[in-house]
Amino acid sequence: MTRPSAAAVQKAGEILAAGQRAADQMTARELAEAAWTPTCGATVDELEDEIRQRRGLPLAHAS
């Protein structure tokens, strides 16, 4: 297996950072809706609460 070039690693880091910046600008609900798929195994509400928990925010749908 070949190792990626330094330029490829740099570009990948830039893309990941841009994605994180975009996610940081979204509300927990917006991010949950963007992340949800029919096969993900969690509801949008569950994803939202997980995001809120990771951000140190109160849960919106505590059960």
PDB file of N, CA and C in Angstrom:
ATOM      1  N   MET A   1       0.844  -1.176   0.000  1.00  0.00           N
ATOM      2  CA  MET A   1       0.000   0.000   0.000  1.00  0.00           C
ATOM      3  C   MET A   1       0.891   1.242   0.000  1.00  0.00           C
ATOM      4  N   THR A   2       0.562   2.188  -0.831  1.00  0.00           N
ATOM      5  CA  THR A   2       1.355   3.410  -0.895  1.00  0.00           C
ATOM      6  C   THR A   2       0.823   4.435   0.097  1.00  0.00           C
ATOM      7  N   ARG A   3       1.725   5.258   0.557  1.00  0.00           N
ATOM      8  CA  ARG A   3       1.341   6.315   1.491  1.00  0.00           C
ATOM      9  C   ARG A   3       0.848   7.532   0.707  1.00  0.00           C
ATOM     10  N   PRO A   4      -0.136   8.238   1.245  1.00  0.00           N
ATOM     11  CA  PRO A   4      -0.597   9.453   0.562  1.00  0.00           C
ATOM     12  C   PRO A   4       0.484  10.534   0.614  1.00  0.00           C
ATOM     13  N   SER A   5       0.463  11.373  -0.372  1.00  0.00           N
ATOM     14  CA  SER A   5       1.437  12.464  -0.397  1.00  0.00           C
ATOM     15  C   SER A   5       1.094  13.497   0.671  1.00  0.00           C
ATOM     16  N   ALA A   6       2.066  14.307   1.004  1.00  0.00           N
ATOM     17  CA  ALA A   6       1.841  15.384   1.979  1.00  0.00           C
ATOM     18  C   ALA A   6       0.751  16.324   1.476  1.00  0.00           C
ATOM     19  N   ALA A   7       0.723  16.563   0.169  1.00  0.00           N
ATOM     20  CA  ALA A   7      -0.300  17.455  -0.398  1.00  0.00           C
ATOM     21  C   ALA A   7      -1.695  16.845  -0.235  1.00  0.00           C
ATOM     22  N   ALA A   8      -1.802  15.527  -0.418  1.00  0.00           N
ATOM     23  CA  ALA A   8      -3.095  14.870  -0.264  1.00  0.00           C
ATOM     24  C   ALA A   8      -3.567  14.927   1.187  1.00  0.00           C
ATOM     25  N   VAL A   9      -2.650  14.729   2.112  1.00  0.00           N
ATOM     26  CA  VAL A   9      -2.998  14.804   3.536  1.00  0.00           C
ATOM     27  C   VAL A   9      -3.417  16.230   3.889  1.00  0.00           C
ATOM     28  N   GLN A  10      -2.702  17.202   3.375  1.00  0.00           N
ATOM     29  CA  GLN A  10      -3.035  18.609   3.618  1.00  0.00           C
ATOM     30  C   GLN A  10      -4.431  18.925   3.083  1.00  0.00           C
ATOM     31  N   LYS A  11      -4.733  18.501   1.868  1.00  0.00           N
ATOM     32  CA  LYS A  11      -6.042  18.763   1.261  1.00  0.00           C
ATOM     33  C   LYS A  11      -7.154  18.087   2.056  1.00  0.00           C
ATOM     34  N   ALA A  12      -6.921  16.849   2.483  1.00  0.00           N
ATOM     35  CA  ALA A  12      -7.916  16.145   3.283  1.00  0.00           C
ATOM     36  C   ALA A  12      -8.186  16.896   4.586  1.00  0.00           C
ATOM     37  N   GLY A  13      -7.144  17.398   5.212  1.00  0.00           N
ATOM     38  CA  GLY A  13      -7.310  18.167   6.442  1.00  0.00           C
ATOM     39  C   GLY A  13      -8.113  19.427   6.215  1.00  0.00           C
ATOM     40  N   GLU A  14      -7.861  20.092   5.097  1.00  0.00           N
ATOM     41  CA  GLU A  14      -8.617  21.309   4.771  1.00  0.00           C
ATOM     42  C   GLU A  14     -10.095  21.002   4.556  1.00  0.00           C
ATOM     43  N   ILE A  15     -10.374  19.901   3.880  1.00  0.00           N
ATOM     44  CA  ILE A  15     -11.767  19.517   3.627  1.00  0.00           C
ATOM     45  C   ILE A  15     -12.472  19.158   4.932  1.00  0.00           C
ATOM     46  N   LEU A  16     -11.800  18.403   5.796  1.00  0.00           N
ATOM     47  CA  LEU A  16     -12.391  18.051   7.094  1.00  0.00           C
ATOM     48  C   LEU A  16     -12.640  19.298   7.937  1.00  0.00           C
ATOM     49  N   ALA A  17     -11.706  20.227   7.933  1.00  0.00           N
ATOM     50  CA  ALA A  17     -11.865  21.460   8.712  1.00  0.00           C
ATOM     51  C   ALA A  17     -13.037  22.291   8.178  1.00  0.00           C
ATOM     52  N   ALA A  18     -13.180  22.350   6.865  1.00  0.00           N
ATOM     53  CA  ALA A  18     -14.294  23.101   6.272  1.00  0.00           C
ATOM     54  C   ALA A  18     -15.633  22.465   6.659  1.00  0.00           C
ATOM     55  N   GLY A  19     -15.684  21.145   6.663  1.00  0.00           N
ATOM     56  CA  GLY A  19     -16.903  20.458   7.079  1.00  0.00           C
ATOM     57  C   GLY A  19     -17.238  20.725   8.532  1.00  0.00           C
ATOM     58  N   GLN A  20     -16.227  20.742   9.384  1.00  0.00           N
ATOM     59  CA  GLN A  20     -16.447  21.014  10.807  1.00  0.00           C
ATOM     60  C   GLN A  20     -16.924  22.447  11.004  1.00  0.00           C
ATOM     61  N   ARG A  21     -16.329  23.393  10.280  1.00  0.00           N
ATOM     62  CA  ARG A  21     -16.784  24.793  10.379  1.00  0.00           C
ATOM     63  C   ARG A  21     -18.242  24.919   9.963  1.00  0.00           C
ATOM     64  N   ALA A  22     -18.622  24.225   8.894  1.00  0.00           N
ATOM     65  CA  ALA A  22     -20.012  24.273   8.432  1.00  0.00           C
ATOM     66  C   ALA A  22     -20.944  23.684   9.488  1.00  0.00           C
ATOM     67  N   ALA A  23     -20.579  22.552  10.059  1.00  0.00           N
ATOM     68  CA  ALA A  23     -21.402  21.914  11.091  1.00  0.00           C
ATOM     69  C   ALA A  23     -21.521  22.801  12.325  1.00  0.00           C
ATOM     70  N   ASP A  24     -20.453  23.489  12.661  1.00  0.00           N
ATOM     71  CA  ASP A  24     -20.469  24.369  13.839  1.00  0.00           C
ATOM     72  C   ASP A  24     -21.425  25.545  13.665  1.00  0.00           C
ATOM     73  N   GLN A  25     -21.738  25.899  12.434  1.00  0.00           N
ATOM     74  CA  GLN A  25     -22.643  27.016  12.158  1.00  0.00           C
ATOM     75  C   GLN A  25     -24.115  26.596  12.189  1.00  0.00           C
ATOM     76  N   MET A  26     -24.359  25.293  12.223  1.00  0.00           N
ATOM     77  CA  MET A  26     -25.731  24.782  12.215  1.00  0.00           C
ATOM     78  C   MET A  26     -26.251  24.603  13.633  1.00  0.00           C
ATOM     79  N   THR A  27     -27.562  24.741  13.774  1.00  0.00           N
ATOM     80  CA  THR A  27     -28.166  24.391  15.056  1.00  0.00           C
ATOM     81  C   THR A  27     -28.109  22.874  15.197  1.00  0.00           C
ATOM     82  N   ALA A  28     -28.339  22.398  16.394  1.00  0.00           N
ATOM     83  CA  ALA A  28     -28.344  20.953  16.615  1.00  0.00           C
ATOM     84  C   ALA A  28     -29.426  20.290  15.768  1.00  0.00           C
ATOM     85  N   ARG A  29     -30.555  20.930  15.632  1.00  0.00           N
ATOM     86  CA  ARG A  29     -31.651  20.366  14.834  1.00  0.00           C
ATOM     87  C   ARG A  29     -31.272  20.319  13.355  1.00  0.00           C
ATOM     88  N   GLU A  30     -30.707  21.407  12.842  1.00  0.00           N
ATOM     89  CA  GLU A  30     -30.291  21.436  11.436  1.00  0.00           C
ATOM     90  C   GLU A  30     -29.266  20.341  11.147  1.00  0.00           C
ATOM     91  N   LEU A  31     -28.323  20.185  12.035  1.00  0.00           N
ATOM     92  CA  LEU A  31     -27.285  19.174  11.853  1.00  0.00           C
ATOM     93  C   LEU A  31     -27.871  17.768  11.925  1.00  0.00           C
ATOM     94  N   ALA A  32     -28.802  17.549  12.838  1.00  0.00           N
ATOM     95  CA  ALA A  32     -29.453  16.239  12.943  1.00  0.00           C
ATOM     96  C   ALA A  32     -30.235  15.929  11.671  1.00  0.00           C
ATOM     97  N   GLU A  33     -30.956  16.913  11.157  1.00  0.00           N
ATOM     98  CA  GLU A  33     -31.719  16.700   9.930  1.00  0.00           C
ATOM     99  C   GLU A  33     -30.795  16.427   8.744  1.00  0.00           C
ATOM    100  N   ALA A  34     -29.656  17.092   8.702  1.00  0.00           N
ATOM    101  CA  ALA A  34     -28.698  16.882   7.614  1.00  0.00           C
ATOM    102  C   ALA A  34     -28.046  15.506   7.716  1.00  0.00           C
ATOM    103  N   ALA A  35     -27.864  15.021   8.925  1.00  0.00           N
ATOM    104  CA  ALA A  35     -27.171  13.749   9.144  1.00  0.00           C
ATOM    105  C   ALA A  35     -28.090  12.537   9.020  1.00  0.00           C
ATOM    106  N   TRP A  36     -29.383  12.725   9.237  1.00  0.00           N
ATOM    107  CA  TRP A  36     -30.309  11.598   9.290  1.00  0.00           C
ATOM    108  C   TRP A  36     -30.461  10.923   7.930  1.00  0.00           C
ATOM    109  N   THR A  37     -30.507   9.598   7.948  1.00  0.00           N
ATOM    110  CA  THR A  37     -30.866   8.793   6.777  1.00  0.00           C
ATOM    111  C   THR A  37     -31.826   7.719   7.248  1.00  0.00           C
ATOM    112  N   PRO A  38     -32.620   7.167   6.345  1.00  0.00           N
ATOM    113  CA  PRO A  38     -33.587   6.136   6.748  1.00  0.00           C
ATOM    114  C   PRO A  38     -32.935   4.899   7.368  1.00  0.00           C
ATOM    115  N   THR A  39     -31.681   4.670   7.107  1.00  0.00           N
ATOM    116  CA  THR A  39     -31.019   3.466   7.621  1.00  0.00           C
ATOM    117  C   THR A  39     -30.078   3.744   8.786  1.00  0.00           C
ATOM    118  N   CYS A  40     -30.091   4.951   9.336  1.00  0.00           N
ATOM    119  CA  CYS A  40     -29.107   5.281  10.377  1.00  0.00           C
ATOM    120  C   CYS A  40     -29.428   4.651  11.728  1.00  0.00           C
ATOM    121  N   GLY A  41     -30.661   4.221  11.932  1.00  0.00           N
ATOM    122  CA  GLY A  41     -31.000   3.538  13.179  1.00  0.00           C
ATOM    123  C   GLY A  41     -31.406   4.456  14.317  1.00  0.00           C
ATOM    124  N   ALA A  42     -31.428   5.744  14.093  1.00  0.00           N
ATOM    125  CA  ALA A  42     -31.842   6.699  15.120  1.00  0.00           C
ATOM    126  C   ALA A  42     -32.817   7.690  14.496  1.00  0.00           C
ATOM    127  N   THR A  43     -33.670   8.261  15.330  1.00  0.00           N
ATOM    128  CA  THR A  43     -34.579   9.296  14.839  1.00  0.00           C
ATOM    129  C   THR A  43     -33.846  10.629  14.796  1.00  0.00           C
ATOM    130  N   VAL A  44     -34.442  11.593  14.110  1.00  0.00           N
ATOM    131  CA  VAL A  44     -33.864  12.935  14.082  1.00  0.00           C
ATOM    132  C   VAL A  44     -33.801  13.497  15.493  1.00  0.00           C
ATOM    133  N   ASP A  45     -34.839  13.255  16.293  1.00  0.00           N
ATOM    134  CA  ASP A  45     -34.849  13.735  17.682  1.00  0.00           C
ATOM    135  C   ASP A  45     -33.694  13.133  18.484  1.00  0.00           C
ATOM    136  N   GLU A  46     -33.439  11.835  18.293  1.00  0.00           N
ATOM    137  CA  GLU A  46     -32.336  11.188  19.008  1.00  0.00           C
ATOM    138  C   GLU A  46     -30.988  11.760  18.572  1.00  0.00           C
ATOM    139  N   LEU A  47     -30.833  11.976  17.272  1.00  0.00           N
ATOM    140  CA  LEU A  47     -29.594  12.574  16.778  1.00  0.00           C
ATOM    141  C   LEU A  47     -29.415  13.989  17.332  1.00  0.00           C
ATOM    142  N   GLU A  48     -30.508  14.746  17.357  1.00  0.00           N
ATOM    143  CA  GLU A  48     -30.428  16.107  17.892  1.00  0.00           C
ATOM    144  C   GLU A  48     -29.970  16.090  19.345  1.00  0.00           C
ATOM    145  N   ASP A  49     -30.533  15.209  20.149  1.00  0.00           N
ATOM    146  CA  ASP A  49     -30.134  15.144  21.554  1.00  0.00           C
ATOM    147  C   ASP A  49     -28.675  14.719  21.704  1.00  0.00           C
ATOM    148  N   GLU A  50     -28.201  13.811  20.855  1.00  0.00           N
ATOM    149  CA  GLU A  50     -26.794  13.414  20.915  1.00  0.00           C
ATOM    150  C   GLU A  50     -25.886  14.595  20.573  1.00  0.00           C
ATOM    151  N   ILE A  51     -26.272  15.368  19.574  1.00  0.00           N
ATOM    152  CA  ILE A  51     -25.486  16.547  19.196  1.00  0.00           C
ATOM    153  C   ILE A  51     -25.521  17.575  20.316  1.00  0.00           C
ATOM    154  N   ARG A  52     -26.709  17.801  20.881  1.00  0.00           N
ATOM    155  CA  ARG A  52     -26.823  18.758  21.983  1.00  0.00           C
ATOM    156  C   ARG A  52     -25.963  18.322  23.169  1.00  0.00           C
ATOM    157  N   GLN A  53     -25.953  17.030  23.463  1.00  0.00           N
ATOM    158  CA  GLN A  53     -25.144  16.515  24.569  1.00  0.00           C
ATOM    159  C   GLN A  53     -23.658  16.762  24.296  1.00  0.00           C
ATOM    160  N   ARG A  54     -23.212  16.476  23.087  1.00  0.00           N
ATOM    161  CA  ARG A  54     -21.803  16.689  22.731  1.00  0.00           C
ATOM    162  C   ARG A  54     -21.415  18.164  22.802  1.00  0.00           C
ATOM    163  N   ARG A  55     -22.390  19.034  22.566  1.00  0.00           N
ATOM    164  CA  ARG A  55     -22.127  20.471  22.628  1.00  0.00           C
ATOM    165  C   ARG A  55     -22.307  21.030  24.036  1.00  0.00           C
ATOM    166  N   GLY A  56     -22.686  20.197  24.973  1.00  0.00           N
ATOM    167  CA  GLY A  56     -22.874  20.649  26.348  1.00  0.00           C
ATOM    168  C   GLY A  56     -24.164  21.423  26.545  1.00  0.00           C
ATOM    169  N   LEU A  57     -25.160  21.147  25.715  1.00  0.00           N
ATOM    170  CA  LEU A  57     -26.462  21.819  25.798  1.00  0.00           C
ATOM    171  C   LEU A  57     -27.479  20.902  26.428  1.00  0.00           C
ATOM    172  N   PRO A  58     -28.547  21.460  26.992  1.00  0.00           N
ATOM    173  CA  PRO A  58     -29.599  20.607  27.554  1.00  0.00           C
ATOM    174  C   PRO A  58     -30.287  19.820  26.443  1.00  0.00           C
ATOM    175  N   LEU A  59     -30.740  18.623  26.786  1.00  0.00           N
ATOM    176  CA  LEU A  59     -31.455  17.794  25.818  1.00  0.00           C
ATOM    177  C   LEU A  59     -32.819  18.389  25.516  1.00  0.00           C
ATOM    178  N   ALA A  60     -33.250  18.236  24.266  1.00  0.00           N
ATOM    179  CA  ALA A  60     -34.560  18.754  23.859  1.00  0.00           C
ATOM    180  C   ALA A  60     -35.643  17.691  23.942  1.00  0.00           C
ATOM    181  N   HIS A  61     -35.237  16.420  23.880  1.00  0.00           N
ATOM    182  CA  HIS A  61     -36.216  15.336  23.812  1.00  0.00           C
ATOM    183  C   HIS A  61     -35.911  14.247  24.828  1.00  0.00           C
ATOM    184  N   ALA A  62     -35.501  14.620  25.999  1.00  0.00           N
ATOM    185  CA  ALA A  62     -35.145  13.619  27.021  1.00  0.00           C
ATOM    186  C   ALA A  62     -36.341  12.725  27.290  1.00  0.00           C
ATOM    187  N   SER A  63     -36.065  11.440  27.370  1.00  0.00           N
ATOM    188  CA  SER A  63     -37.167  10.502  27.631  1.00  0.00           C
ATOM    189  C   SER A  63     -37.021   9.863  28.981  1.00  0.00           C
TER     190      SER A  63
END
